[in-house]
Amino acid sequence: VECTGLARPTVHRLASALVHHRFLSRDVRGRYVIGSRLA
């Protein structure tokens, strides 16, 4: 949210969708990371 300047609900909604499609993933601490689909 801080880095993009987007609203928190917007970031959460888009990040969840990107996780669903494997463009993003979550690490063991729950942080967002680049997902395997991009690789």
Full PDB file with SEQRES, HELIX, SHEET, SSBOND, CRYST1, ORIGX, SCALE, CONECT and MASTER records, all heavy atoms in Angstrom:
SEQRES   1 A   39  VAL GLU CYS THR GLY LEU ALA ARG PRO THR VAL HIS ARG          
SEQRES   2 A   39  LEU ALA SER ALA LEU VAL HIS HIS ARG PHE LEU SER ARG          
SEQRES   3 A   39  ASP VAL ARG GLY ARG TYR VAL ILE GLY SER ARG LEU ALA          
HELIX    1 AA1 ARG A    8  HIS A   20  1                                  13    
SHEET    1 AA1 2 LEU A  24  ARG A  26  0                                        
SHEET    2 AA1 2 TYR A  32  ILE A  34 -1                                        
CRYST1    1.000    1.000    1.000  90.00  90.00  90.00 P 1           1          
ORIGX1      1.000000  0.000000  0.000000        0.00000                         
ORIGX2      0.000000  1.000000  0.000000        0.00000                         
ORIGX3      0.000000  0.000000  1.000000        0.00000                         
SCALE1      1.000000  0.000000  0.000000        0.00000                         
SCALE2      0.000000  1.000000  0.000000        0.00000                         
SCALE3      0.000000  0.000000  1.000000        0.00000                         
ATOM      1  N   VAL A   1       0.843  -1.201   0.000  1.00  0.00           N  
ATOM      2  CA  VAL A   1       0.000   0.000   0.000  1.00  0.00           C  
ATOM      3  C   VAL A   1       0.875   1.246   0.000  1.00  0.00           C  
ATOM      4  O   VAL A   1       0.658   2.193  -0.767  1.00  0.00           O  
ATOM      5  CB  VAL A   1      -0.944  -0.006   1.221  1.00  0.00           C  
ATOM      6  CG1 VAL A   1      -1.637   1.348   1.367  1.00  0.00           C  
ATOM      7  CG2 VAL A   1      -1.982  -1.117   1.082  1.00  0.00           C  
ATOM      8  N   GLU A   2       1.887   1.247   0.845  1.00  0.00           N  
ATOM      9  CA  GLU A   2       2.768   2.406   0.943  1.00  0.00           C  
ATOM     10  C   GLU A   2       3.561   2.615  -0.339  1.00  0.00           C  
ATOM     11  O   GLU A   2       3.742   3.740  -0.806  1.00  0.00           O  
ATOM     12  CB  GLU A   2       3.725   2.223   2.121  1.00  0.00           C  
ATOM     13  CG  GLU A   2       4.696   3.385   2.302  1.00  0.00           C  
ATOM     14  CD  GLU A   2       5.640   3.172   3.475  1.00  0.00           C  
ATOM     15  OE1 GLU A   2       5.541   2.100   4.118  1.00  0.00           O  
ATOM     16  OE2 GLU A   2       6.451   4.055   3.746  1.00  0.00           O  
ATOM     17  N   CYS A   3       4.025   1.529  -0.924  1.00  0.00           N  
ATOM     18  CA  CYS A   3       4.885   1.620  -2.102  1.00  0.00           C  
ATOM     19  C   CYS A   3       4.114   2.037  -3.352  1.00  0.00           C  
ATOM     20  O   CYS A   3       4.618   2.798  -4.169  1.00  0.00           O  
ATOM     21  CB  CYS A   3       5.583   0.282  -2.330  1.00  0.00           C  
ATOM     22  SG  CYS A   3       6.808   0.300  -3.637  1.00  0.00           S  
ATOM     23  N   THR A   4       2.893   1.527  -3.503  1.00  0.00           N  
ATOM     24  CA  THR A   4       2.123   1.815  -4.712  1.00  0.00           C  
ATOM     25  C   THR A   4       1.266   3.066  -4.598  1.00  0.00           C  
ATOM     26  O   THR A   4       0.903   3.663  -5.607  1.00  0.00           O  
ATOM     27  CB  THR A   4       1.201   0.635  -5.055  1.00  0.00           C  
ATOM     28  OG1 THR A   4       0.260   0.434  -3.975  1.00  0.00           O  
ATOM     29  CG2 THR A   4       2.003  -0.648  -5.267  1.00  0.00           C  
ATOM     30  N   GLY A   5       0.913   3.454  -3.363  1.00  0.00           N  
ATOM     31  CA  GLY A   5       0.014   4.584  -3.187  1.00  0.00           C  
ATOM     32  C   GLY A   5      -1.439   4.248  -3.461  1.00  0.00           C  
ATOM     33  O   GLY A   5      -2.287   5.146  -3.483  1.00  0.00           O  
ATOM     34  N   LEU A   6      -1.739   2.956  -3.637  1.00  0.00           N  
ATOM     35  CA  LEU A   6      -3.116   2.532  -3.898  1.00  0.00           C  
ATOM     36  C   LEU A   6      -3.843   2.308  -2.581  1.00  0.00           C  
ATOM     37  O   LEU A   6      -3.233   2.108  -1.534  1.00  0.00           O  
ATOM     38  CB  LEU A   6      -3.117   1.232  -4.718  1.00  0.00           C  
ATOM     39  CG  LEU A   6      -2.432   1.289  -6.083  1.00  0.00           C  
ATOM     40  CD1 LEU A   6      -2.390  -0.103  -6.706  1.00  0.00           C  
ATOM     41  CD2 LEU A   6      -3.149   2.262  -7.017  1.00  0.00           C  
ATOM     42  N   ALA A   7      -5.162   2.329  -2.641  1.00  0.00           N  
ATOM     43  CA  ALA A   7      -5.966   2.086  -1.450  1.00  0.00           C  
ATOM     44  C   ALA A   7      -5.773   0.642  -0.971  1.00  0.00           C  
ATOM     45  O   ALA A   7      -5.617  -0.272  -1.781  1.00  0.00           O  
ATOM     46  CB  ALA A   7      -7.440   2.340  -1.745  1.00  0.00           C  
ATOM     47  N   ARG A   8      -5.810   0.458   0.331  1.00  0.00           N  
ATOM     48  CA  ARG A   8      -5.588  -0.873   0.902  1.00  0.00           C  
ATOM     49  C   ARG A   8      -6.563  -1.922   0.356  1.00  0.00           C  
ATOM     50  O   ARG A   8      -6.125  -3.022  -0.019  1.00  0.00           O  
ATOM     51  CB  ARG A   8      -5.679  -0.787   2.429  1.00  0.00           C  
ATOM     52  CG  ARG A   8      -5.311  -2.092   3.138  1.00  0.00           C  
ATOM     53  CD  ARG A   8      -5.502  -1.960   4.636  1.00  0.00           C  
ATOM     54  NE  ARG A   8      -5.118  -3.171   5.331  1.00  0.00           N  
ATOM     55  CZ  ARG A   8      -3.906  -3.401   5.824  1.00  0.00           C  
ATOM     56  NH1 ARG A   8      -2.958  -2.493   5.680  1.00  0.00           N  
ATOM     57  NH2 ARG A   8      -3.629  -4.540   6.457  1.00  0.00           N  
ATOM     58  N   PRO A   9      -7.883  -1.640   0.276  1.00  0.00           N  
ATOM     59  CA  PRO A   9      -8.784  -2.663  -0.282  1.00  0.00           C  
ATOM     60  C   PRO A   9      -8.443  -3.010  -1.727  1.00  0.00           C  
ATOM     61  O   PRO A   9      -8.574  -4.166  -2.137  1.00  0.00           O  
ATOM     62  CB  PRO A   9     -10.166  -2.000  -0.174  1.00  0.00           C  
ATOM     63  CG  PRO A   9     -10.019  -0.973   0.893  1.00  0.00           C  
ATOM     64  CD  PRO A   9      -8.630  -0.455   0.773  1.00  0.00           C  
ATOM     65  N   THR A  10      -7.988  -2.021  -2.501  1.00  0.00           N  
ATOM     66  CA  THR A  10      -7.626  -2.276  -3.896  1.00  0.00           C  
ATOM     67  C   THR A  10      -6.415  -3.198  -3.973  1.00  0.00           C  
ATOM     68  O   THR A  10      -6.399  -4.170  -4.739  1.00  0.00           O  
ATOM     69  CB  THR A  10      -7.317  -0.954  -4.619  1.00  0.00           C  
ATOM     70  OG1 THR A  10      -8.482  -0.130  -4.597  1.00  0.00           O  
ATOM     71  CG2 THR A  10      -6.909  -1.200  -6.064  1.00  0.00           C  
ATOM     72  N   VAL A  11      -5.390  -2.909  -3.177  1.00  0.00           N  
ATOM     73  CA  VAL A  11      -4.190  -3.741  -3.182  1.00  0.00           C  
ATOM     74  C   VAL A  11      -4.521  -5.161  -2.739  1.00  0.00           C  
ATOM     75  O   VAL A  11      -4.072  -6.143  -3.343  1.00  0.00           O  
ATOM     76  CB  VAL A  11      -3.105  -3.136  -2.271  1.00  0.00           C  
ATOM     77  CG1 VAL A  11      -1.909  -4.070  -2.165  1.00  0.00           C  
ATOM     78  CG2 VAL A  11      -2.665  -1.774  -2.798  1.00  0.00           C  
ATOM     79  N   HIS A  12      -5.334  -5.274  -1.701  1.00  0.00           N  
ATOM     80  CA  HIS A  12      -5.687  -6.611  -1.202  1.00  0.00           C  
ATOM     81  C   HIS A  12      -6.455  -7.397  -2.259  1.00  0.00           C  
ATOM     82  O   HIS A  12      -6.179  -8.587  -2.489  1.00  0.00           O  
ATOM     83  CB  HIS A  12      -6.529  -6.473   0.067  1.00  0.00           C  
ATOM     84  CG  HIS A  12      -6.897  -7.801   0.683  1.00  0.00           C  
ATOM     85  ND1 HIS A  12      -8.086  -8.449   0.419  1.00  0.00           N  
ATOM     86  CD2 HIS A  12      -6.199  -8.614   1.528  1.00  0.00           C  
ATOM     87  CE1 HIS A  12      -8.117  -9.594   1.070  1.00  0.00           C  
ATOM     88  NE2 HIS A  12      -6.998  -9.713   1.756  1.00  0.00           N  
ATOM     89  N   ARG A  13      -7.403  -6.753  -2.905  1.00  0.00           N  
ATOM     90  CA  ARG A  13      -8.210  -7.449  -3.919  1.00  0.00           C  
ATOM     91  C   ARG A  13      -7.351  -7.893  -5.112  1.00  0.00           C  
ATOM     92  O   ARG A  13      -7.434  -9.050  -5.566  1.00  0.00           O  
ATOM     93  CB  ARG A  13      -9.332  -6.526  -4.395  1.00  0.00           C  
ATOM     94  CG  ARG A  13     -10.291  -7.193  -5.395  1.00  0.00           C  
ATOM     95  CD  ARG A  13     -11.444  -6.283  -5.743  1.00  0.00           C  
ATOM     96  NE  ARG A  13     -11.007  -5.125  -6.525  1.00  0.00           N  
ATOM     97  CZ  ARG A  13     -10.905  -3.885  -6.054  1.00  0.00           C  
ATOM     98  NH1 ARG A  13     -11.194  -3.641  -4.787  1.00  0.00           N  
ATOM     99  NH2 ARG A  13     -10.513  -2.892  -6.824  1.00  0.00           N  
ATOM    100  N   LEU A  14      -6.511  -7.001  -5.623  1.00  0.00           N  
ATOM    101  CA  LEU A  14      -5.688  -7.337  -6.780  1.00  0.00           C  
ATOM    102  C   LEU A  14      -4.621  -8.366  -6.419  1.00  0.00           C  
ATOM    103  O   LEU A  14      -4.365  -9.293  -7.192  1.00  0.00           O  
ATOM    104  CB  LEU A  14      -5.032  -6.073  -7.334  1.00  0.00           C  
ATOM    105  CG  LEU A  14      -5.980  -5.048  -7.966  1.00  0.00           C  
ATOM    106  CD1 LEU A  14      -5.213  -3.816  -8.413  1.00  0.00           C  
ATOM    107  CD2 LEU A  14      -6.732  -5.663  -9.139  1.00  0.00           C  
ATOM    108  N   ALA A  15      -4.000  -8.214  -5.247  1.00  0.00           N  
ATOM    109  CA  ALA A  15      -2.973  -9.168  -4.848  1.00  0.00           C  
ATOM    110  C   ALA A  15      -3.566 -10.567  -4.675  1.00  0.00           C  
ATOM    111  O   ALA A  15      -2.944 -11.563  -5.055  1.00  0.00           O  
ATOM    112  CB  ALA A  15      -2.294  -8.707  -3.559  1.00  0.00           C  
ATOM    113  N   SER A  16      -4.761 -10.658  -4.122  1.00  0.00           N  
ATOM    114  CA  SER A  16      -5.411 -11.961  -3.956  1.00  0.00           C  
ATOM    115  C   SER A  16      -5.686 -12.609  -5.306  1.00  0.00           C  
ATOM    116  O   SER A  16      -5.513 -13.823  -5.472  1.00  0.00           O  
ATOM    117  CB  SER A  16      -6.719 -11.795  -3.172  1.00  0.00           C  
ATOM    118  OG  SER A  16      -6.470 -11.304  -1.870  1.00  0.00           O  
ATOM    119  N   ALA A  17      -6.117 -11.794  -6.286  1.00  0.00           N  
ATOM    120  CA  ALA A  17      -6.360 -12.330  -7.626  1.00  0.00           C  
ATOM    121  C   ALA A  17      -5.068 -12.789  -8.279  1.00  0.00           C  
ATOM    122  O   ALA A  17      -5.023 -13.837  -8.946  1.00  0.00           O  
ATOM    123  CB  ALA A  17      -7.040 -11.259  -8.492  1.00  0.00           C  
ATOM    124  N   LEU A  18      -3.983 -12.041  -8.076  1.00  0.00           N  
ATOM    125  CA  LEU A  18      -2.696 -12.424  -8.651  1.00  0.00           C  
ATOM    126  C   LEU A  18      -2.157 -13.695  -8.004  1.00  0.00           C  
ATOM    127  O   LEU A  18      -1.507 -14.509  -8.658  1.00  0.00           O  
ATOM    128  CB  LEU A  18      -1.701 -11.270  -8.499  1.00  0.00           C  
ATOM    129  CG  LEU A  18      -1.995 -10.038  -9.355  1.00  0.00           C  
ATOM    130  CD1 LEU A  18      -1.112  -8.869  -8.931  1.00  0.00           C  
ATOM    131  CD2 LEU A  18      -1.806 -10.344 -10.829  1.00  0.00           C  
ATOM    132  N   VAL A  19      -2.421 -13.887  -6.709  1.00  0.00           N  
ATOM    133  CA  VAL A  19      -2.038 -15.132  -6.044  1.00  0.00           C  
ATOM    134  C   VAL A  19      -2.826 -16.305  -6.639  1.00  0.00           C  
ATOM    135  O   VAL A  19      -2.269 -17.379  -6.879  1.00  0.00           O  
ATOM    136  CB  VAL A  19      -2.276 -15.031  -4.522  1.00  0.00           C  
ATOM    137  CG1 VAL A  19      -2.169 -16.404  -3.865  1.00  0.00           C  
ATOM    138  CG2 VAL A  19      -1.284 -14.067  -3.883  1.00  0.00           C  
ATOM    139  N   HIS A  20      -4.115 -16.090  -6.878  1.00  0.00           N  
ATOM    140  CA  HIS A  20      -4.955 -17.148  -7.449  1.00  0.00           C  
ATOM    141  C   HIS A  20      -4.409 -17.635  -8.787  1.00  0.00           C  
ATOM    142  O   HIS A  20      -4.426 -18.837  -9.082  1.00  0.00           O  
ATOM    143  CB  HIS A  20      -6.383 -16.626  -7.627  1.00  0.00           C  
ATOM    144  CG  HIS A  20      -7.296 -17.595  -8.317  1.00  0.00           C  
ATOM    145  ND1 HIS A  20      -7.857 -18.682  -7.677  1.00  0.00           N  
ATOM    146  CD2 HIS A  20      -7.729 -17.659  -9.612  1.00  0.00           C  
ATOM    147  CE1 HIS A  20      -8.594 -19.367  -8.529  1.00  0.00           C  
ATOM    148  NE2 HIS A  20      -8.536 -18.770  -9.711  1.00  0.00           N  
ATOM    149  N   HIS A  21      -3.905 -16.705  -9.593  1.00  0.00           N  
ATOM    150  CA  HIS A  21      -3.376 -17.064 -10.911  1.00  0.00           C  
ATOM    151  C   HIS A  21      -1.875 -17.346 -10.886  1.00  0.00           C  
ATOM    152  O   HIS A  21      -1.260 -17.489 -11.941  1.00  0.00           O  
ATOM    153  CB  HIS A  21      -3.672 -15.938 -11.905  1.00  0.00           C  
ATOM    154  CG  HIS A  21      -5.133 -15.824 -12.239  1.00  0.00           C  
ATOM    155  ND1 HIS A  21      -5.810 -16.769 -12.989  1.00  0.00           N  
ATOM    156  CD2 HIS A  21      -6.051 -14.880 -11.913  1.00  0.00           C  
ATOM    157  CE1 HIS A  21      -7.077 -16.408 -13.119  1.00  0.00           C  
ATOM    158  NE2 HIS A  21      -7.254 -15.274 -12.472  1.00  0.00           N  
ATOM    159  N   ARG A  22      -1.280 -17.402  -9.669  1.00  0.00           N  
ATOM    160  CA  ARG A  22       0.113 -17.761  -9.458  1.00  0.00           C  
ATOM    161  C   ARG A  22       1.108 -16.723  -9.986  1.00  0.00           C  
ATOM    162  O   ARG A  22       2.279 -17.011 -10.166  1.00  0.00           O  
ATOM    163  CB  ARG A  22       0.439 -19.141 -10.053  1.00  0.00           C  
ATOM    164  CG  ARG A  22      -0.331 -20.252  -9.364  1.00  0.00           C  
ATOM    165  CD  ARG A  22       0.134 -21.638  -9.764  1.00  0.00           C  
ATOM    166  NE  ARG A  22      -0.146 -21.936 -11.155  1.00  0.00           N  
ATOM    167  CZ  ARG A  22       0.785 -22.048 -12.089  1.00  0.00           C  
ATOM    168  NH1 ARG A  22       2.062 -21.900 -11.792  1.00  0.00           N  
ATOM    169  NH2 ARG A  22       0.456 -22.325 -13.328  1.00  0.00           N  
ATOM    170  N   PHE A  23       0.640 -15.504 -10.265  1.00  0.00           N  
ATOM    171  CA  PHE A  23       1.579 -14.433 -10.594  1.00  0.00           C  
ATOM    172  C   PHE A  23       2.251 -13.926  -9.321  1.00  0.00           C  
ATOM    173  O   PHE A  23       3.355 -13.399  -9.370  1.00  0.00           O  
ATOM    174  CB  PHE A  23       0.859 -13.287 -11.302  1.00  0.00           C  
ATOM    175  CG  PHE A  23       0.502 -13.608 -12.732  1.00  0.00           C  
ATOM    176  CD1 PHE A  23      -0.758 -14.050 -13.068  1.00  0.00           C  
ATOM    177  CD2 PHE A  23       1.446 -13.486 -13.737  1.00  0.00           C  
ATOM    178  CE1 PHE A  23      -1.092 -14.356 -14.364  1.00  0.00           C  
ATOM    179  CE2 PHE A  23       1.135 -13.803 -15.054  1.00  0.00           C  
ATOM    180  CZ  PHE A  23      -0.143 -14.236 -15.372  1.00  0.00           C  
ATOM    181  N   LEU A  24       1.578 -14.070  -8.194  1.00  0.00           N  
ATOM    182  CA  LEU A  24       2.155 -13.788  -6.890  1.00  0.00           C  
ATOM    183  C   LEU A  24       1.996 -15.027  -6.020  1.00  0.00           C  
ATOM    184  O   LEU A  24       1.183 -15.903  -6.302  1.00  0.00           O  
ATOM    185  CB  LEU A  24       1.468 -12.602  -6.199  1.00  0.00           C  
ATOM    186  CG  LEU A  24       1.507 -11.235  -6.873  1.00  0.00           C  
ATOM    187  CD1 LEU A  24       0.881 -10.189  -5.967  1.00  0.00           C  
ATOM    188  CD2 LEU A  24       2.911 -10.843  -7.263  1.00  0.00           C  
ATOM    189  N   SER A  25       2.772 -15.067  -4.924  1.00  0.00           N  
ATOM    190  CA  SER A  25       2.652 -16.138  -3.949  1.00  0.00           C  
ATOM    191  C   SER A  25       2.871 -15.526  -2.571  1.00  0.00           C  
ATOM    192  O   SER A  25       3.070 -14.319  -2.448  1.00  0.00           O  
ATOM    193  CB  SER A  25       3.676 -17.245  -4.245  1.00  0.00           C  
ATOM    194  OG  SER A  25       3.506 -18.328  -3.351  1.00  0.00           O  
ATOM    195  N   ARG A  26       2.786 -16.353  -1.523  1.00  0.00           N  
ATOM    196  CA  ARG A  26       3.025 -15.894  -0.153  1.00  0.00           C  
ATOM    197  C   ARG A  26       4.161 -16.710   0.439  1.00  0.00           C  
ATOM    198  O   ARG A  26       4.214 -17.940   0.248  1.00  0.00           O  
ATOM    199  CB  ARG A  26       1.766 -16.062   0.711  1.00  0.00           C  
ATOM    200  CG  ARG A  26       0.507 -15.430   0.146  1.00  0.00           C  
ATOM    201  CD  ARG A  26       0.528 -13.925   0.190  1.00  0.00           C  
ATOM    202  NE  ARG A  26       0.363 -13.398   1.525  1.00  0.00           N  
ATOM    203  CZ  ARG A  26      -0.824 -13.118   2.066  1.00  0.00           C  
ATOM    204  NH1 ARG A  26      -1.942 -13.328   1.393  1.00  0.00           N  
ATOM    205  NH2 ARG A  26      -0.890 -12.602   3.282  1.00  0.00           N  
ATOM    206  N   ASP A  27       5.075 -16.044   1.136  1.00  0.00           N  
ATOM    207  CA  ASP A  27       6.154 -16.784   1.775  1.00  0.00           C  
ATOM    208  C   ASP A  27       5.719 -17.265   3.159  1.00  0.00           C  
ATOM    209  O   ASP A  27       4.554 -17.089   3.554  1.00  0.00           O  
ATOM    210  CB  ASP A  27       7.440 -15.950   1.833  1.00  0.00           C  
ATOM    211  CG  ASP A  27       7.306 -14.725   2.744  1.00  0.00           C  
ATOM    212  OD1 ASP A  27       6.297 -14.620   3.476  1.00  0.00           O  
ATOM    213  OD2 ASP A  27       8.212 -13.872   2.727  1.00  0.00           O  
ATOM    214  N   VAL A  28       6.627 -17.889   3.906  1.00  0.00           N  
ATOM    215  CA  VAL A  28       6.269 -18.484   5.198  1.00  0.00           C  
ATOM    216  C   VAL A  28       5.839 -17.430   6.216  1.00  0.00           C  
ATOM    217  O   VAL A  28       5.167 -17.742   7.193  1.00  0.00           O  
ATOM    218  CB  VAL A  28       7.452 -19.302   5.767  1.00  0.00           C  
ATOM    219  CG1 VAL A  28       7.727 -20.512   4.898  1.00  0.00           C  
ATOM    220  CG2 VAL A  28       8.704 -18.444   5.898  1.00  0.00           C  
ATOM    221  N   ARG A  29       6.212 -16.170   5.998  1.00  0.00           N  
ATOM    222  CA  ARG A  29       5.809 -15.087   6.888  1.00  0.00           C  
ATOM    223  C   ARG A  29       4.555 -14.375   6.402  1.00  0.00           C  
ATOM    224  O   ARG A  29       4.141 -13.382   6.988  1.00  0.00           O  
ATOM    225  CB  ARG A  29       6.960 -14.080   7.025  1.00  0.00           C  
ATOM    226  CG  ARG A  29       8.192 -14.663   7.705  1.00  0.00           C  
ATOM    227  CD  ARG A  29       9.394 -13.729   7.631  1.00  0.00           C  
ATOM    228  NE  ARG A  29       9.091 -12.408   8.170  1.00  0.00           N  
ATOM    229  CZ  ARG A  29       9.941 -11.389   8.122  1.00  0.00           C  
ATOM    230  NH1 ARG A  29      11.128 -11.549   7.548  1.00  0.00           N  
ATOM    231  NH2 ARG A  29       9.606 -10.217   8.630  1.00  0.00           N  
ATOM    232  N   GLY A  30       3.934 -14.890   5.341  1.00  0.00           N  
ATOM    233  CA  GLY A  30       2.706 -14.299   4.844  1.00  0.00           C  
ATOM    234  C   GLY A  30       2.921 -13.122   3.923  1.00  0.00           C  
ATOM    235  O   GLY A  30       1.959 -12.499   3.474  1.00  0.00           O  
ATOM    236  N   ARG A  31       4.176 -12.797   3.594  1.00  0.00           N  
ATOM    237  CA  ARG A  31       4.447 -11.678   2.711  1.00  0.00           C  
ATOM    238  C   ARG A  31       4.230 -12.085   1.257  1.00  0.00           C  
ATOM    239  O   ARG A  31       4.343 -13.256   0.896  1.00  0.00           O  
ATOM    240  CB  ARG A  31       5.876 -11.176   2.903  1.00  0.00           C  
ATOM    241  CG  ARG A  31       6.186 -10.682   4.304  1.00  0.00           C  
ATOM    242  CD  ARG A  31       7.659 -10.342   4.443  1.00  0.00           C  
ATOM    243  NE  ARG A  31       8.501 -11.505   4.172  1.00  0.00           N  
ATOM    244  CZ  ARG A  31       9.832 -11.490   4.183  1.00  0.00           C  
ATOM    245  NH1 ARG A  31      10.459 -10.355   4.435  1.00  0.00           N  
ATOM    246  NH2 ARG A  31      10.512 -12.583   3.936  1.00  0.00           N  
ATOM    247  N   TYR A  32       3.938 -11.099   0.429  1.00  0.00           N  
ATOM    248  CA  TYR A  32       3.751 -11.359  -0.996  1.00  0.00           C  
ATOM    249  C   TYR A  32       5.116 -11.446  -1.679  1.00  0.00           C  
ATOM    250  O   TYR A  32       6.035 -10.684  -1.380  1.00  0.00           O  
ATOM    251  CB  TYR A  32       2.918 -10.255  -1.641  1.00  0.00           C  
ATOM    252  CG  TYR A  32       1.476 -10.253  -1.193  1.00  0.00           C  
ATOM    253  CD1 TYR A  32       1.054  -9.405  -0.177  1.00  0.00           C  
ATOM    254  CD2 TYR A  32       0.544 -11.107  -1.762  1.00  0.00           C  
ATOM    255  CE1 TYR A  32      -0.266  -9.407   0.258  1.00  0.00           C  
ATOM    256  CE2 TYR A  32      -0.780 -11.114  -1.349  1.00  0.00           C  
ATOM    257  CZ  TYR A  32      -1.175 -10.260  -0.339  1.00  0.00           C  
ATOM    258  OH  TYR A  32      -2.484 -10.270   0.089  1.00  0.00           O  
ATOM    259  N   VAL A  33       5.228 -12.391  -2.622  1.00  0.00           N  
ATOM    260  CA  VAL A  33       6.442 -12.552  -3.423  1.00  0.00           C  
ATOM    261  C   VAL A  33       6.019 -12.841  -4.864  1.00  0.00           C  
ATOM    262  O   VAL A  33       4.875 -13.197  -5.138  1.00  0.00           O  
ATOM    263  CB  VAL A  33       7.326 -13.706  -2.903  1.00  0.00           C  
ATOM    264  CG1 VAL A  33       7.859 -13.406  -1.517  1.00  0.00           C  
ATOM    265  CG2 VAL A  33       6.553 -15.033  -2.893  1.00  0.00           C  
ATOM    266  N   ILE A  34       6.958 -12.667  -5.787  1.00  0.00           N  
ATOM    267  CA  ILE A  34       6.698 -12.995  -7.185  1.00  0.00           C  
ATOM    268  C   ILE A  34       6.388 -14.486  -7.297  1.00  0.00           C  
ATOM    269  O   ILE A  34       7.082 -15.323  -6.725  1.00  0.00           O  
ATOM    270  CB  ILE A  34       7.911 -12.631  -8.057  1.00  0.00           C  
ATOM    271  CG1 ILE A  34       8.132 -11.112  -8.064  1.00  0.00           C  
ATOM    272  CG2 ILE A  34       7.721 -13.147  -9.477  1.00  0.00           C  
ATOM    273  CD1 ILE A  34       7.005 -10.323  -8.692  1.00  0.00           C  
ATOM    274  N   GLY A  35       5.347 -14.829  -8.055  1.00  0.00           N  
ATOM    275  CA  GLY A  35       4.907 -16.209  -8.159  1.00  0.00           C  
ATOM    276  C   GLY A  35       5.570 -16.986  -9.273  1.00  0.00           C  
ATOM    277  O   GLY A  35       6.263 -16.443 -10.135  1.00  0.00           O  
ATOM    278  N   SER A  36       5.339 -18.282  -9.269  1.00  0.00           N  
ATOM    279  CA  SER A  36       5.999 -19.181 -10.211  1.00  0.00           C  
ATOM    280  C   SER A  36       5.497 -19.023 -11.639  1.00  0.00           C  
ATOM    281  O   SER A  36       6.188 -19.387 -12.586  1.00  0.00           O  
ATOM    282  CB  SER A  36       5.803 -20.631  -9.763  1.00  0.00           C  
ATOM    283  OG  SER A  36       4.419 -20.940  -9.654  1.00  0.00           O  
ATOM    284  N   ARG A  37       4.289 -18.477 -11.796  1.00  0.00           N  
ATOM    285  CA  ARG A  37       3.758 -18.346 -13.158  1.00  0.00           C  
ATOM    286  C   ARG A  37       4.620 -17.416 -14.005  1.00  0.00           C  
ATOM    287  O   ARG A  37       4.811 -17.657 -15.210  1.00  0.00           O  
ATOM    288  CB  ARG A  37       2.321 -17.814 -13.106  1.00  0.00           C  
ATOM    289  CG  ARG A  37       1.642 -17.733 -14.472  1.00  0.00           C  
ATOM    290  CD  ARG A  37       1.559 -19.091 -15.126  1.00  0.00           C  
ATOM    291  NE  ARG A  37       0.950 -19.037 -16.437  1.00  0.00           N  
ATOM    292  CZ  ARG A  37       1.330 -19.806 -17.456  1.00  0.00           C  
ATOM    293  NH1 ARG A  37       2.313 -20.676 -17.294  1.00  0.00           N  
ATOM    294  NH2 ARG A  37       0.731 -19.714 -18.612  1.00  0.00           N  
ATOM    295  N   LEU A  38       5.166 -16.375 -13.399  1.00  0.00           N  
ATOM    296  CA  LEU A  38       6.027 -15.462 -14.142  1.00  0.00           C  
ATOM    297  C   LEU A  38       7.299 -16.175 -14.589  1.00  0.00           C  
ATOM    298  O   LEU A  38       7.796 -15.934 -15.698  1.00  0.00           O  
ATOM    299  CB  LEU A  38       6.373 -14.247 -13.280  1.00  0.00           C  
ATOM    300  CG  LEU A  38       5.234 -13.238 -13.077  1.00  0.00           C  
ATOM    301  CD1 LEU A  38       5.677 -12.127 -12.135  1.00  0.00           C  
ATOM    302  CD2 LEU A  38       4.803 -12.640 -14.404  1.00  0.00           C  
ATOM    303  N   ALA A  39       7.813 -17.035 -13.734  1.00  0.00           N  
ATOM    304  CA  ALA A  39       9.009 -17.799 -14.114  1.00  0.00           C  
ATOM    305  C   ALA A  39       8.691 -18.745 -15.276  1.00  0.00           C  
ATOM    306  O   ALA A  39       9.513 -18.929 -16.186  1.00  0.00           O  
ATOM    307  CB  ALA A  39       9.535 -18.583 -12.919  1.00  0.00           C  
TER     308      ALA A  39                                                      
MASTER        0    0    0    1    2    0    0    6  307    1    0    3          
END                                                                             
